[in-house]
Amino acid sequence: MRKNQFGITRMNLEHLKTFHVVASLGSFTEAAKALYMTQPAVSQQIQGIEHALRNPLFDRSKRQIRLTAKGKILFSYMSFPKNG
């Protein structure tokens, strides 16, 4: 995450790509493998997005993660219909 001249945190496309992969796979660990990143790096990017949006995007309970209502909204903007 970078801050602009006004001190506002900005996301870049890589952060959004990471969010999309985590949401699609339902796992920080599997997303890290798919993105050739470490799991802590993936977690850090997701935490940065959550901080920038001031909302949690994932419910982290037990050993599962689920999208929160806000996470579902963001994911819906990033998902495209499949050609069938």
Protein backbone atom coordinates (compact mmCIF):
# COMPACT_ATOMS: atom_id res chain seq x y z
CA MET A 1 0.00 0.00 0.00
CA ARG A 2 1.25 3.43 -0.85
CA LYS A 3 0.18 6.81 0.45
CA ASN A 4 -0.42 9.68 -1.90
CA GLN A 5 0.53 13.30 -1.23
CA PHE A 6 -2.50 13.68 1.05
CA GLY A 7 -1.57 10.70 3.21
CA ILE A 8 -4.37 8.55 1.81
CA THR A 9 -3.53 4.90 1.32
CA ARG A 10 -3.96 3.56 -2.22
CA MET A 11 -4.32 0.02 -3.43
CA ASN A 12 -2.75 -1.21 -6.62
CA LEU A 13 -3.92 -3.90 -9.00
CA GLU A 14 -1.63 -6.50 -7.43
CA HIS A 15 -3.40 -6.10 -4.10
CA LEU A 16 -6.77 -6.54 -5.79
CA LYS A 17 -5.49 -9.55 -7.71
CA THR A 18 -4.36 -11.09 -4.43
CA PHE A 19 -7.79 -10.46 -2.90
CA HIS A 20 -9.48 -12.09 -5.88
CA VAL A 21 -7.29 -15.21 -5.73
CA VAL A 22 -7.76 -15.59 -1.96
CA ALA A 23 -11.53 -15.17 -2.32
CA SER A 24 -11.67 -17.60 -5.25
CA LEU A 25 -9.59 -20.30 -3.56
CA GLY A 26 -10.86 -19.72 -0.02
CA SER A 27 -7.37 -20.03 1.42
CA PHE A 28 -4.47 -17.71 2.09
CA THR A 29 -2.05 -20.63 1.80
CA GLU A 30 -3.41 -21.85 -1.54
CA ALA A 31 -3.48 -18.29 -2.87
CA ALA A 32 0.15 -17.83 -1.85
CA LYS A 33 1.11 -20.96 -3.78
CA ALA A 34 -0.87 -19.87 -6.84
CA LEU A 35 0.67 -16.38 -6.76
CA TYR A 36 4.22 -17.60 -5.99
CA MET A 37 4.21 -15.54 -2.80
CA THR A 38 4.67 -16.35 0.86
CA GLN A 39 1.56 -16.74 2.99
CA PRO A 40 2.58 -13.82 5.26
CA ALA A 41 2.94 -11.58 2.17
CA VAL A 42 -0.57 -12.50 1.05
CA SER A 43 -1.95 -11.84 4.53
CA GLN A 44 -0.16 -8.50 4.66
CA GLN A 45 -1.66 -7.41 1.33
CA ILE A 46 -5.16 -8.41 2.45
CA GLN A 47 -4.73 -6.58 5.75
CA GLY A 48 -3.58 -3.52 3.81
CA ILE A 49 -6.70 -3.58 1.65
CA GLU A 50 -8.89 -4.03 4.72
CA HIS A 51 -7.16 -1.12 6.41
CA ALA A 52 -7.54 1.11 3.34
CA LEU A 53 -11.24 0.25 3.03
CA ARG A 54 -11.71 0.39 6.81
CA ASN A 55 -13.66 -2.86 6.64
CA PRO A 56 -12.80 -6.52 7.11
CA LEU A 57 -13.19 -8.46 3.87
CA PHE A 58 -12.78 -11.93 5.34
CA ASP A 59 -14.20 -13.61 8.41
CA ARG A 60 -11.29 -15.58 9.79
CA SER A 61 -12.79 -18.24 12.03
CA LYS A 62 -11.18 -21.48 12.97
CA ARG A 63 -9.26 -22.78 9.96
CA GLN A 64 -11.65 -21.39 7.36
CA ILE A 65 -12.02 -17.99 5.80
CA ARG A 66 -15.24 -16.60 4.41
CA LEU A 67 -16.03 -13.35 2.70
CA THR A 68 -17.81 -10.77 4.81
CA ALA A 69 -20.73 -8.85 3.31
CA LYS A 70 -18.31 -6.10 2.22
CA GLY A 71 -15.92 -8.71 0.84
CA LYS A 72 -18.74 -10.22 -1.22
CA ILE A 73 -19.54 -6.80 -2.67
CA LEU A 74 -15.93 -6.19 -3.67
CA PHE A 75 -15.64 -9.70 -5.11
CA SER A 76 -18.83 -9.24 -7.13
CA TYR A 77 -17.31 -6.19 -8.82
CA MET A 78 -14.29 -8.26 -9.79
CA SER A 79 -16.10 -11.35 -11.05
CA PHE A 80 -17.11 -11.65 -14.64
CA PRO A 81 -19.68 -14.04 -16.08
CA LYS A 82 -18.21 -17.14 -17.65
CA ASN A 83 -18.84 -17.78 -21.31
CA GLY A 84 -20.67 -21.00 -21.62
